[in-house]
Protein backbone atom coordinates (compact mmCIF):
# COMPACT_ATOMS: atom_id res chain seq x y z
CA UNK A 1 27.71 -7.33 1.73
CA UNK A 2 27.43 -7.77 -2.03
CA UNK A 3 26.37 -4.78 -4.04
CA UNK A 4 23.19 -5.30 -6.08
CA UNK A 5 23.57 -5.05 -9.86
CA UNK A 6 22.34 -2.60 -12.47
CA UNK A 7 22.56 -4.37 -15.84
CA UNK A 8 22.78 -2.27 -19.03
CA UNK A 9 22.30 -3.88 -22.47
CA UNK A 10 22.46 -2.01 -25.79
CA UNK A 11 23.84 -3.24 -29.13
CA UNK A 12 25.18 0.23 -30.03
CA UNK A 13 28.63 0.51 -28.35
CA UNK A 14 28.47 4.31 -28.21
CA UNK A 15 25.02 4.34 -26.59
CA UNK A 16 26.05 1.60 -24.16
CA UNK A 17 29.19 3.51 -23.20
CA UNK A 18 27.12 6.62 -22.62
CA UNK A 19 24.44 4.97 -20.47
CA UNK A 20 27.03 2.97 -18.51
CA UNK A 21 29.02 6.14 -17.83
CA UNK A 22 25.94 8.00 -16.58
CA UNK A 23 24.80 5.10 -14.41
CA UNK A 24 28.25 4.54 -12.88
CA UNK A 25 28.69 8.24 -12.19
CA UNK A 26 25.58 8.30 -9.98
CA UNK A 27 25.29 4.77 -8.55
CA UNK A 28 28.75 3.16 -8.42
CA UNK A 29 29.05 3.58 -4.63
CA UNK A 30 26.00 1.41 -3.93
CA UNK A 31 25.60 -0.75 -7.04
CA UNK A 32 27.73 -2.85 -9.36
CA UNK A 33 27.15 -1.85 -13.00
CA UNK A 34 27.38 -4.58 -15.65
CA UNK A 35 27.07 -3.91 -19.37
CA UNK A 36 27.21 -5.72 -22.70
CA UNK A 37 26.32 -5.12 -26.33
CA UNK A 38 25.07 -8.70 -26.77
CA UNK A 39 21.62 -9.66 -25.50
CA UNK A 40 22.33 -13.40 -25.71
CA UNK A 41 25.54 -12.95 -23.73
CA UNK A 42 23.56 -11.09 -21.09
CA UNK A 43 21.08 -13.95 -20.84
CA UNK A 44 23.91 -16.46 -20.47
CA UNK A 45 25.29 -14.42 -17.57
CA UNK A 46 22.04 -14.50 -15.59
CA UNK A 47 22.08 -18.11 -14.39
CA UNK A 48 25.64 -17.93 -12.96
CA UNK A 49 24.67 -14.70 -11.21
CA UNK A 50 21.62 -16.41 -9.77
CA UNK A 51 23.71 -19.34 -8.56
CA UNK A 52 26.08 -16.94 -6.81
CA UNK A 53 23.12 -15.39 -4.97
CA UNK A 54 23.70 -12.07 -6.68
CA UNK A 55 20.83 -9.57 -6.72
CA UNK A 56 19.88 -7.65 -9.84
CA UNK A 57 18.09 -4.43 -8.95
CA UNK A 58 17.42 -3.07 -12.43
CA UNK A 59 17.67 -3.96 -16.11
CA UNK A 60 18.22 -1.04 -18.49
CA UNK A 61 17.70 -2.56 -21.96
CA UNK A 62 17.50 -1.25 -25.50
CA UNK A 63 14.36 -2.28 -27.37
CA UNK A 64 15.73 -2.52 -30.93
CA UNK A 65 18.61 -5.03 -30.89
CA UNK A 66 19.41 -7.34 -33.85
CA UNK A 67 19.93 -10.45 -31.71
CA UNK A 68 16.81 -10.03 -29.62
CA UNK A 69 14.27 -7.30 -28.93
CA UNK A 70 14.49 -5.75 -25.49
CA UNK A 71 11.00 -6.95 -24.58
CA UNK A 72 11.95 -10.53 -25.44
CA UNK A 73 15.10 -10.25 -23.33
CA UNK A 74 13.17 -8.91 -20.34
CA UNK A 75 10.60 -11.68 -20.64
CA UNK A 76 13.40 -14.26 -20.33
CA UNK A 77 15.25 -12.36 -17.61
CA UNK A 78 12.12 -12.21 -15.47
CA UNK A 79 12.23 -16.00 -15.08
CA UNK A 80 15.42 -15.70 -13.03
CA UNK A 81 15.09 -12.22 -11.53
CA UNK A 82 11.36 -11.50 -11.31
CA UNK A 83 11.75 -8.69 -8.76
CA UNK A 84 14.24 -6.65 -10.76
CA UNK A 85 13.01 -3.31 -12.08
CA UNK A 86 12.70 -3.15 -15.87
CA UNK A 87 13.44 -0.05 -17.95
CA UNK A 88 13.34 -0.04 -21.76
CA UNK A 89 15.42 2.35 -23.87
CA UNK A 90 13.45 3.31 -26.97
CA UNK A 91 13.50 5.57 -29.97
CA UNK A 92 10.41 7.67 -30.59
CA UNK A 93 9.32 5.15 -33.21
CA UNK A 94 9.39 2.35 -30.60
CA UNK A 95 6.89 3.93 -28.22
CA UNK A 96 4.09 1.54 -29.22
CA UNK A 97 6.31 -1.45 -28.46
CA UNK A 98 7.17 0.02 -25.08
CA UNK A 99 3.52 0.48 -24.20
CA UNK A 100 2.82 -3.15 -25.17
CA UNK A 101 5.69 -4.16 -22.92
CA UNK A 102 3.94 -2.60 -19.95
CA UNK A 103 1.42 -5.43 -20.13
CA UNK A 104 3.64 -8.18 -21.54
CA UNK A 105 6.56 -8.00 -19.10
CA UNK A 106 5.18 -5.59 -16.47
CA UNK A 107 7.60 -2.92 -17.67
CA UNK A 108 8.28 -0.32 -14.98
CA UNK A 109 9.34 2.54 -17.26
CA UNK A 110 10.48 3.37 -20.76
CA UNK A 111 12.96 6.12 -21.65
CA UNK A 112 13.22 7.69 -25.07
CA UNK A 113 16.67 8.44 -26.45
CA UNK A 114 18.46 10.72 -25.87
CA UNK A 115 18.07 11.12 -22.10
CA UNK A 116 20.31 14.16 -21.68
CA UNK A 117 20.71 15.77 -19.27
CA UNK A 118 20.73 12.65 -17.04
CA UNK A 119 20.14 14.79 -13.93
CA UNK A 120 16.67 15.58 -15.29
CA UNK A 121 15.70 12.68 -17.54
CA UNK A 122 17.53 9.60 -16.21
CA UNK A 123 18.43 9.85 -12.52
CA UNK A 124 14.98 10.81 -11.14
CA UNK A 125 13.44 7.76 -12.85
CA UNK A 126 16.14 5.36 -11.67
CA UNK A 127 16.17 6.84 -8.15
CA UNK A 128 12.49 6.07 -7.62
CA UNK A 129 12.68 2.58 -9.12
CA UNK A 130 15.77 1.63 -7.11
CA UNK A 131 14.28 2.96 -3.89
CA UNK A 132 11.12 0.93 -4.43
CA UNK A 133 13.23 -2.17 -5.18
CA UNK A 134 15.26 -1.66 -2.02
CA UNK A 135 12.12 -1.41 0.12
CA UNK A 136 10.37 -4.43 -1.36
CA UNK A 137 12.97 -6.86 -2.65
CA UNK A 138 16.52 -6.57 -1.35
CA UNK A 139 17.23 -8.73 1.73
CA UNK A 140 20.50 -6.95 2.36
CA UNK A 141 18.64 -3.81 3.38
CA UNK A 142 16.51 -5.51 6.03
CA UNK A 143 17.09 -3.65 9.28
CA UNK A 144 15.03 -5.81 11.63
CA UNK A 145 13.88 -9.39 11.96
CA UNK A 146 10.48 -10.36 13.26
CA UNK A 147 10.20 -13.83 14.82
CA UNK A 148 6.85 -15.36 15.64
CA UNK A 149 4.21 -17.87 14.66
CA UNK A 150 2.66 -17.64 11.23
CA UNK A 151 -0.84 -18.11 12.60
CA UNK A 152 -0.51 -15.64 15.45
CA UNK A 153 -2.91 -12.65 15.26
CA UNK A 154 -0.37 -10.46 17.06
CA UNK A 155 2.40 -11.41 14.63
CA UNK A 156 0.05 -10.56 11.77
CA UNK A 157 -0.79 -7.20 13.32
CA UNK A 158 2.90 -6.32 13.66
CA UNK A 159 3.61 -7.39 10.08
CA UNK A 160 0.80 -5.16 8.85
CA UNK A 161 2.09 -2.25 10.89
CA UNK A 162 5.66 -2.58 9.63
CA UNK A 163 4.61 -3.09 6.01
CA UNK A 164 2.10 -0.24 6.19
CA UNK A 165 4.78 2.12 7.49
CA UNK A 166 7.20 0.96 4.76
CA UNK A 167 9.68 -0.47 7.28
CA UNK A 168 11.77 -3.24 5.65
CA UNK A 169 11.75 -6.38 7.77
CA UNK A 170 12.44 -10.09 7.54
CA UNK A 171 9.76 -12.48 8.75
CA UNK A 172 11.06 -15.65 10.42
CA UNK A 173 8.53 -18.34 11.31
CA UNK A 174 9.77 -20.03 14.51
CA UNK A 175 8.23 -23.35 13.50
CA UNK A 176 10.13 -23.76 10.23
CA UNK A 177 13.04 -21.32 10.18
CA UNK A 178 16.40 -22.46 11.60
CA UNK A 179 17.74 -18.92 11.91
CA UNK A 180 14.75 -18.00 14.06
CA UNK A 181 15.31 -20.98 16.34
CA UNK A 182 19.01 -20.14 16.67
CA UNK A 183 18.33 -16.48 17.54
CA UNK A 184 15.72 -17.44 20.12
CA UNK A 185 18.03 -20.02 21.74
CA UNK A 186 21.12 -17.79 21.77
CA UNK A 187 19.20 -14.94 23.41
CA UNK A 188 17.28 -17.16 25.85
CA UNK A 189 13.98 -15.89 24.49
CA UNK A 190 11.07 -17.99 25.69
CA UNK A 191 8.41 -19.10 23.23
CA UNK A 192 5.86 -17.30 25.38
CA UNK A 193 7.72 -14.05 24.61
CA UNK A 194 7.02 -14.27 20.88
CA UNK A 195 6.58 -12.37 18.68
CA UNK A 196 10.01 -10.80 19.12
CA UNK A 197 11.77 -8.15 17.06
CA UNK A 198 15.56 -8.17 16.65
CA UNK A 199 16.82 -4.73 15.59
CA UNK A 200 19.93 -3.93 13.61
CA UNK A 201 21.55 -2.29 16.64
CA UNK A 202 21.29 -5.56 18.60
CA UNK A 203 18.34 -4.61 20.81
CA UNK A 204 15.33 -6.89 21.18
CA UNK A 205 11.67 -6.21 21.87
CA UNK A 206 9.69 -9.13 23.27
CA UNK A 207 5.94 -9.36 22.74
CA UNK A 208 5.98 -5.64 21.82
CA UNK A 209 3.06 -3.25 21.53
CA UNK A 210 2.60 -1.17 18.39
CA UNK A 211 3.49 1.94 20.40
CA UNK A 212 6.77 0.38 21.54
CA UNK A 213 7.67 -0.54 17.96
CA UNK A 214 6.72 2.92 16.70
CA UNK A 215 8.93 4.58 19.28
CA UNK A 216 11.86 2.32 18.44
CA UNK A 217 11.68 2.88 14.67
CA UNK A 218 11.45 6.65 15.09
CA UNK A 219 7.79 7.45 14.43
CA UNK A 220 6.73 10.63 16.18
CA UNK A 221 4.31 10.09 19.09
CA UNK A 222 3.97 13.75 20.13
CA UNK A 223 3.15 16.97 18.31
CA UNK A 224 5.94 19.53 18.01
CA UNK A 225 3.68 22.59 17.94
CA UNK A 226 0.94 23.82 20.25
CA UNK A 227 -1.43 25.14 17.58
CA UNK A 228 -1.77 24.19 13.91
CA UNK A 229 -3.56 25.93 11.05
CA UNK A 230 -4.97 22.61 9.92
CA UNK A 231 -4.96 19.13 11.44
CA UNK A 232 -5.70 16.25 9.09
CA UNK A 233 -7.03 13.08 10.69
CA UNK A 234 -6.23 10.01 8.59
CA UNK A 235 -3.30 9.44 6.20
CA UNK A 236 -4.97 7.74 3.25
CA UNK A 237 -4.71 9.28 -0.24
CA UNK A 238 -7.06 12.15 0.69
CA UNK A 239 -5.18 12.94 3.89
CA UNK A 240 -1.78 12.75 2.23
CA UNK A 241 -2.93 15.04 -0.58
CA UNK A 242 -4.28 17.52 1.96
CA UNK A 243 -0.96 17.41 3.83
CA UNK A 244 1.01 18.05 0.63
CA UNK A 245 -1.12 21.01 -0.42
CA UNK A 246 -1.51 22.41 3.08
CA UNK A 247 2.22 22.39 3.77
CA UNK A 248 3.14 23.65 0.29
CA UNK A 249 0.78 26.62 0.70
CA UNK A 250 2.30 27.73 3.99
CA UNK A 251 -0.21 26.31 6.45
CA UNK A 252 1.13 24.87 9.69
CA UNK A 253 0.00 21.31 8.95
CA UNK A 254 -0.27 18.21 11.15
CA UNK A 255 -1.30 14.77 9.87
CA UNK A 256 -2.48 12.22 12.47
CA UNK A 257 -2.68 8.51 11.60
CA UNK A 258 -3.88 5.76 13.91
CA UNK A 259 -1.99 2.92 12.23
CA UNK A 260 -0.11 3.30 8.94
CA UNK A 261 -0.27 5.74 6.02
CA UNK A 262 -1.93 4.82 2.74
CA UNK A 263 -5.32 3.61 3.94
CA UNK A 264 -6.91 0.79 1.96
CA UNK A 265 -5.18 2.04 -1.19
CA UNK A 266 -1.82 1.60 0.54
CA UNK A 267 -2.37 -2.16 0.76
CA UNK A 268 -3.13 -2.54 -2.96
CA UNK A 269 -0.61 -4.68 -4.81
CA UNK A 270 -1.19 -2.76 -8.05
CA UNK A 271 -3.11 0.40 -8.98
CA UNK A 272 -3.29 0.45 -12.77
CA UNK A 273 -5.77 3.26 -13.47
CA UNK A 274 -4.07 6.16 -11.68
CA UNK A 275 -3.29 9.02 -14.03
CA UNK A 276 0.33 9.35 -15.08
CA UNK A 277 1.48 5.80 -14.29
CA UNK A 278 0.91 3.73 -17.46
CA UNK A 279 2.55 0.66 -15.96
CA UNK A 280 0.69 1.07 -12.67
CA UNK A 281 2.17 1.36 -9.22
CA UNK A 282 1.68 -0.35 -5.90
CA UNK A 283 -0.23 1.25 -3.08
CA UNK A 284 2.93 1.12 -1.00
CA UNK A 285 4.86 3.02 -3.67
CA UNK A 286 2.16 5.69 -3.96
CA UNK A 287 2.18 6.03 -0.16
CA UNK A 288 5.99 6.27 -0.02
CA UNK A 289 6.08 9.02 -2.62
CA UNK A 290 3.25 10.98 -0.99
CA UNK A 291 4.62 10.79 2.57
CA UNK A 292 8.09 11.83 1.40
CA UNK A 293 6.59 14.72 -0.55
CA UNK A 294 4.48 15.93 2.38
CA UNK A 295 7.43 15.71 4.79
CA UNK A 296 9.73 17.55 2.39
CA UNK A 297 7.21 20.38 2.13
CA UNK A 298 7.01 20.71 5.92
CA UNK A 299 3.98 18.69 7.03
CA UNK A 300 4.32 17.08 10.45
CA UNK A 301 3.27 13.45 11.07
CA UNK A 302 1.87 12.03 14.29
CA UNK A 303 1.72 8.23 14.21
CA UNK A 304 0.49 5.85 15.46
CA UNK A 305 -2.00 7.97 17.38
CA UNK A 306 -5.78 7.73 17.53
CA UNK A 307 -8.19 10.63 17.80
CA UNK A 308 -11.13 9.99 20.11
CA UNK A 309 -12.93 13.33 20.02
CA UNK A 310 -13.02 16.84 18.57
CA UNK A 311 -14.10 19.64 20.93
CA UNK A 312 -14.79 23.26 19.93
CA UNK A 313 -13.68 25.96 22.33
CA UNK A 314 -12.91 29.67 21.90
CA UNK A 315 -12.73 29.38 18.12
CA UNK A 316 -10.28 26.46 18.19
CA UNK A 317 -10.78 22.76 17.52
CA UNK A 318 -9.32 20.68 20.34
CA UNK A 319 -8.17 17.28 19.05
CA UNK A 320 -8.37 14.78 21.92
CA UNK A 321 -6.03 11.81 21.50
CA UNK A 322 -6.46 8.35 23.03
CA UNK A 323 -4.18 9.18 25.97
CA UNK A 324 -6.12 12.41 26.68
CA UNK A 325 -3.35 14.61 25.30
CA UNK A 326 -4.53 17.50 23.15
CA UNK A 327 -3.69 19.24 19.89
CA UNK A 328 -5.19 22.62 18.97
CA UNK A 329 -6.23 23.41 15.42
CA UNK A 330 -7.84 26.32 13.64
CA UNK A 331 -9.33 23.95 11.03
CA UNK A 332 -9.69 20.16 10.72
CA UNK A 333 -9.96 17.81 7.74
CA UNK A 334 -11.34 14.33 8.48
CA UNK A 335 -9.94 11.75 6.06
CA UNK A 336 -10.24 8.57 8.14
CA UNK A 337 -11.54 6.57 5.17
CA UNK A 338 -13.10 3.14 5.53
CA UNK A 339 -12.37 -0.29 6.98
CA UNK A 340 -13.24 -3.61 5.37
CA UNK A 341 -16.68 -4.75 6.49
CA UNK A 342 -16.63 -7.80 8.76
CA UNK A 343 -17.86 -11.14 7.48
CA UNK A 344 -20.35 -12.26 10.11
CA UNK A 345 -20.19 -16.03 9.73
CA UNK A 346 -19.44 -18.79 12.20
CA UNK A 347 -15.72 -19.29 12.86
CA UNK A 348 -14.51 -16.20 10.97
CA UNK A 349 -13.63 -14.22 14.08
CA UNK A 350 -11.94 -17.25 15.67
CA UNK A 351 -9.32 -17.43 12.90
CA UNK A 352 -8.90 -13.74 12.05
CA UNK A 353 -5.14 -13.22 11.93
CA UNK A 354 -4.62 -17.01 11.91
CA UNK A 355 -5.39 -17.82 8.29
CA UNK A 356 -8.21 -15.32 7.80
CA UNK A 357 -7.31 -11.76 6.86
CA UNK A 358 -9.08 -8.53 5.93
CA UNK A 359 -7.08 -7.08 3.06
CA UNK A 360 -3.44 -7.91 3.90
CA UNK A 361 -2.71 -9.72 0.62
CA UNK A 362 0.69 -8.03 0.34
CA UNK A 363 1.63 -8.88 3.93
CA UNK A 364 0.67 -12.56 3.93
CA UNK A 365 1.17 -13.53 0.29
CA UNK A 366 4.58 -15.18 0.81
CA UNK A 367 3.08 -17.48 3.45
CA UNK A 368 0.59 -18.72 0.84
CA UNK A 369 3.20 -20.33 -1.38
CA UNK A 370 1.78 -23.51 -2.95
CA UNK A 371 -1.34 -23.23 -0.75
CA UNK A 372 -5.09 -23.31 -1.41
CA UNK A 373 -6.27 -19.72 -1.01
CA UNK A 374 -9.82 -18.38 -1.01
CA UNK A 375 -10.86 -14.78 -1.50
CA UNK A 376 -14.28 -13.22 -0.88
CA UNK A 377 -15.28 -10.09 -2.79
CA UNK A 378 -15.83 -8.84 -6.30
CA UNK A 379 -14.43 -5.28 -6.28
CA UNK A 380 -11.14 -3.94 -7.60
CA UNK A 381 -9.35 -4.51 -4.29
CA UNK A 382 -10.29 -8.18 -4.47
CA UNK A 383 -9.18 -8.43 -8.09
CA UNK A 384 -5.81 -6.81 -7.44
CA UNK A 385 -5.27 -9.12 -4.46
CA UNK A 386 -6.16 -12.21 -6.52
CA UNK A 387 -3.67 -11.26 -9.24
CA UNK A 388 -0.94 -10.79 -6.64
CA UNK A 389 -1.74 -13.94 -4.66
CA UNK A 390 -1.73 -16.01 -7.85
CA UNK A 391 2.06 -15.54 -7.99
CA UNK A 392 2.42 -17.49 -4.74
CA UNK A 393 -0.58 -19.74 -4.18
CA UNK A 394 -1.19 -23.10 -5.77
CA UNK A 395 -4.78 -22.04 -6.47
CA UNK A 396 -6.81 -18.90 -5.79
CA UNK A 397 -10.61 -19.20 -5.59
CA UNK A 398 -12.73 -16.04 -5.81
CA UNK A 399 -16.15 -16.34 -4.18
CA UNK A 400 -18.88 -13.88 -5.16
CA UNK A 401 -22.63 -13.80 -4.61
CA UNK A 402 -23.40 -12.66 -8.15
CA UNK A 403 -22.96 -14.61 -11.38
CA UNK A 404 -20.17 -12.42 -12.79
CA UNK A 405 -17.37 -10.08 -11.76
CA UNK A 406 -18.31 -7.56 -14.43
CA UNK A 407 -20.87 -5.84 -12.19
CA UNK A 408 -18.33 -4.57 -9.67
CA UNK A 409 -14.80 -5.00 -11.08
CA UNK A 410 -12.95 -2.97 -13.73
CA UNK A 411 -12.71 -4.75 -17.05
CA UNK A 412 -8.90 -4.67 -17.15
CA UNK A 413 -8.79 -6.70 -13.92
CA UNK A 414 -11.46 -9.14 -15.12
CA UNK A 415 -9.36 -9.76 -18.25
CA UNK A 416 -6.20 -10.27 -16.21
CA UNK A 417 -7.90 -12.83 -13.97
CA UNK A 418 -9.19 -14.79 -16.98
CA UNK A 419 -5.61 -15.21 -18.18
CA UNK A 420 -4.38 -16.71 -14.89
CA UNK A 421 -4.50 -20.51 -14.92
CA UNK A 422 -4.50 -20.88 -11.14
CA UNK A 423 -7.35 -18.42 -10.47
CA UNK A 424 -10.89 -19.81 -10.44
CA UNK A 425 -14.15 -17.90 -10.03
CA UNK A 426 -16.87 -19.47 -7.87
CA UNK A 427 -20.04 -17.46 -8.59
CA UNK A 428 -23.38 -17.53 -6.74
CA UNK A 429 -21.63 -18.68 -3.59
CA UNK A 430 -20.90 -17.56 -0.05
CA UNK A 431 -19.06 -18.86 3.01
CA UNK A 432 -21.18 -20.42 5.74
CA UNK A 433 -18.47 -21.39 8.24
CA UNK A 434 -14.72 -21.45 8.87
CA UNK A 435 -13.20 -24.43 10.68
CA UNK A 436 -9.80 -25.47 11.99
CA UNK A 437 -7.64 -26.20 15.01
CA UNK A 438 -5.71 -23.07 16.01
CA UNK A 439 -5.68 -21.90 12.39
CA UNK A 440 -7.94 -21.99 9.35
CA UNK A 441 -8.10 -25.44 7.77
CA UNK A 442 -11.52 -25.75 6.11
CA UNK A 443 -14.37 -23.66 4.73
CA UNK A 444 -18.00 -24.58 4.31
CA UNK A 445 -19.32 -23.01 1.11
CA UNK A 446 -22.96 -22.71 0.06
CA UNK A 447 -23.92 -22.25 -3.58
CA UNK A 448 -27.38 -21.33 -4.82
CA UNK A 449 -29.63 -24.40 -5.15
CA UNK A 450 -26.79 -26.74 -4.19
CA UNK A 451 -25.87 -28.54 -0.95
CA UNK A 452 -23.09 -27.20 1.27
CA UNK A 453 -19.55 -28.15 0.31
CA UNK A 454 -16.59 -28.46 2.72
CA UNK A 455 -13.25 -27.60 1.13
CA UNK A 456 -9.67 -27.52 2.46
CA UNK A 457 -8.44 -23.92 2.81
CA UNK A 458 -5.06 -22.58 3.95
CA UNK A 459 -6.01 -18.91 3.84
CA UNK A 460 -9.02 -16.67 3.35
CA UNK A 461 -8.80 -13.01 2.34
CA UNK A 462 -11.92 -10.88 2.78
CA UNK A 463 -12.82 -7.83 0.65
CA UNK A 464 -16.57 -7.35 1.09
CA UNK A 465 -17.24 -3.66 1.03
CA UNK A 466 -16.43 -0.89 3.41
CA UNK A 467 -17.63 0.74 6.60
CA UNK A 468 -16.66 4.36 7.35
CA UNK A 469 -14.30 5.00 10.25
CA UNK A 470 -16.64 7.45 11.99
CA UNK A 471 -17.55 5.68 15.25
CA UNK A 472 -15.29 8.08 17.14
CA UNK A 473 -17.03 11.17 15.77
CA UNK A 474 -19.64 12.76 18.04
CA UNK A 475 -23.38 12.71 17.51
CA UNK A 476 -23.43 16.42 16.60
CA UNK A 477 -21.93 15.51 13.20
CA UNK A 478 -24.56 14.62 10.60
CA UNK A 479 -24.04 11.25 8.93
CA UNK A 480 -26.00 9.28 6.36
CA UNK A 481 -27.70 5.96 7.12
CA UNK A 482 -24.43 4.05 6.65
CA UNK A 483 -22.39 6.33 8.90
CA UNK A 484 -20.61 8.39 6.20
CA UNK A 485 -20.16 12.10 6.96
CA UNK A 486 -22.53 14.47 5.21
CA UNK A 487 -21.03 17.64 3.71
CA UNK A 488 -21.94 20.70 1.71
CA UNK A 489 -25.45 21.27 0.44
CA UNK A 490 -26.48 17.71 1.30
CA UNK A 491 -26.62 18.88 4.92
CA UNK A 492 -29.70 20.98 4.16
CA UNK A 493 -31.93 17.94 3.78
CA UNK A 494 -31.64 17.26 7.53
CA UNK A 495 -34.18 18.94 9.79
CA UNK A 496 -31.59 19.35 12.54
CA UNK A 497 -29.09 21.14 10.29
CA UNK A 498 -30.19 24.70 11.11
CA UNK A 499 -30.12 23.92 14.81
CA UNK A 500 -26.43 23.05 14.48
CA UNK A 501 -25.24 25.44 11.77
CA UNK A 502 -25.12 29.04 13.05
CA UNK A 503 -23.39 30.90 10.21
CA UNK A 504 -25.21 33.01 7.63
CA UNK A 505 -23.34 31.41 4.73
CA UNK A 506 -23.99 27.89 3.48
CA UNK A 507 -21.41 25.17 4.19
CA UNK A 508 -18.60 24.85 1.68
CA UNK A 509 -18.65 21.83 -0.61
CA UNK A 510 -16.58 19.57 1.69
CA UNK A 511 -17.55 21.19 4.99
CA UNK A 512 -19.38 19.20 7.64
CA UNK A 513 -22.19 20.63 9.78
CA UNK A 514 -19.48 22.10 12.04
CA UNK A 515 -17.81 25.17 10.50
CA UNK A 516 -14.11 24.70 9.88
CA UNK A 517 -14.27 20.91 10.01
CA UNK A 518 -14.13 19.31 6.57
CA UNK A 519 -14.36 15.74 5.27
CA UNK A 520 -12.62 14.33 2.19
CA UNK A 521 -12.18 10.96 0.54
CA UNK A 522 -14.03 7.74 1.26
CA UNK A 523 -15.27 8.83 4.70
CA UNK A 524 -17.51 11.41 3.02
CA UNK A 525 -21.06 10.52 1.95
CA UNK A 526 -21.33 10.44 -1.83
CA UNK A 527 -17.59 10.21 -2.44
CA UNK A 528 -16.32 8.07 -5.30
CA UNK A 529 -14.25 5.07 -4.22
CA UNK A 530 -11.28 6.00 -6.40
CA UNK A 531 -7.76 6.97 -5.44
CA UNK A 532 -7.75 9.87 -7.89
CA UNK A 533 -10.98 11.36 -6.52
CA UNK A 534 -9.71 11.03 -2.93
CA UNK A 535 -6.52 12.87 -3.87
CA UNK A 536 -8.60 15.53 -5.59
CA UNK A 537 -10.86 16.01 -2.58
CA UNK A 538 -7.93 16.19 -0.19
CA UNK A 539 -6.29 18.97 -2.20
CA UNK A 540 -9.65 20.72 -2.69
CA UNK A 541 -10.28 20.70 1.06
CA UNK A 542 -7.21 22.88 1.59
CA UNK A 543 -8.71 25.61 -0.61
CA UNK A 544 -11.81 25.60 1.60
CA UNK A 545 -9.60 25.73 4.70
CA UNK A 546 -8.05 28.93 3.32
CA UNK A 547 -11.51 30.42 2.83
CA UNK A 548 -12.57 29.46 6.33
CA UNK A 549 -9.40 30.83 7.95
CA UNK A 550 -9.91 34.12 6.12
CA UNK A 551 -13.29 34.44 7.86
CA UNK A 552 -12.18 33.88 11.45
């Protein structure tokens, strides 16, 4: 297998020798390191490398070069290697140029010279960028192949599960991919057995369940301990933050997730307003970092498992799982977040997973290459998805009921969408019906004061608000009119509160009407729909857990 390339370019021979030495010292076993002092020579090398099917993982480029500025070089290099990570070497005086490059060439990071010691200032940055590149871009690291039909709801569900759990995989459509047909024929796999997963060790799962896949890829289905100090239900940003802080502060911590970590934020193609990441980061990358951090600190993960009930007995919270197994906890934090609200229109349910998707832009984007794609919704999730889909689709059409995106979408996303030639806004419109034969083929759209219009559509992505994942929670928990969990002093406005709450003290800020059970993130009534606020609430909930445990 060919080693992917790290390409270093700097016009100063001494600086280039230094950076090449440091990079080779750490990465030579897994990467080939190329270097040159001439930016034009580097550009001339790219096309032959592309023709040889070489993979460039990372460009490490000086900004101030006499032949060509680093930003200009990266802009040209992106045309041949768009997935490569981009790092700019700058002097302190070049910081403004580096910040501009974040927007111009989607720069991943900039390093100011000098970077000594590399163990502190160079390697941690490159480690994270290379790991993200390996997960998302490098076919040589793919450990399993998924074969199925593009417009199969079960295939879509498996793709979402694998992507959500950050498991690298290769999708092979049986109808168009020769390798898929060959594998199926050689292994006498019937078409009725699809989807099928071919693992790196040679084993095959036919028409697998999510539980079977989870077991095979090493996700933990059972709890290791009998009793935990705190059990966190839901592994979105709030749940992951709670797991990090709980484990780091010595609490015996268990995190239970019904599907995949990250929540809705984990499916975002780009989060650009999260503090400390000037070039933005994907939801998958944020999830990967958070899960690794929580695991390193000692938090235990249970996935994919679904909680169906919480029972109080003898001072403990009994967590009942879907198979009737139990986990005991002294305190519980509910961070189950929200699901995308369903679009209740004719034909939508018929083609869900077969051309119609809730979220899932990252999972299904490659299948939209040169296709006509529609997107419903005017929030940030919709905007981020539209930007990402525009890289693949022939055209992306955004349907909203209002006359402008400015009411519900951040201005930076609105500006990005205006600059994309293949993205078109259709205001004052909504979908009346989805039509097709086995998969989505047409949409009927109704605009205000205009007759219905039938348009060809290859895919529809739906982002129309959120419903809290609280159906499983018992009636003795107080919820607002939309089903979000009430917490803190807001509980006092309910007449039934005092009948439920038996302690002399008032509930803590994030505490539900049941002492010792807290809610954080989007599942909580009044919460802000922001990743940063969810992370803040998750970490804050742990401080209240400490207070509660000190009482009992």
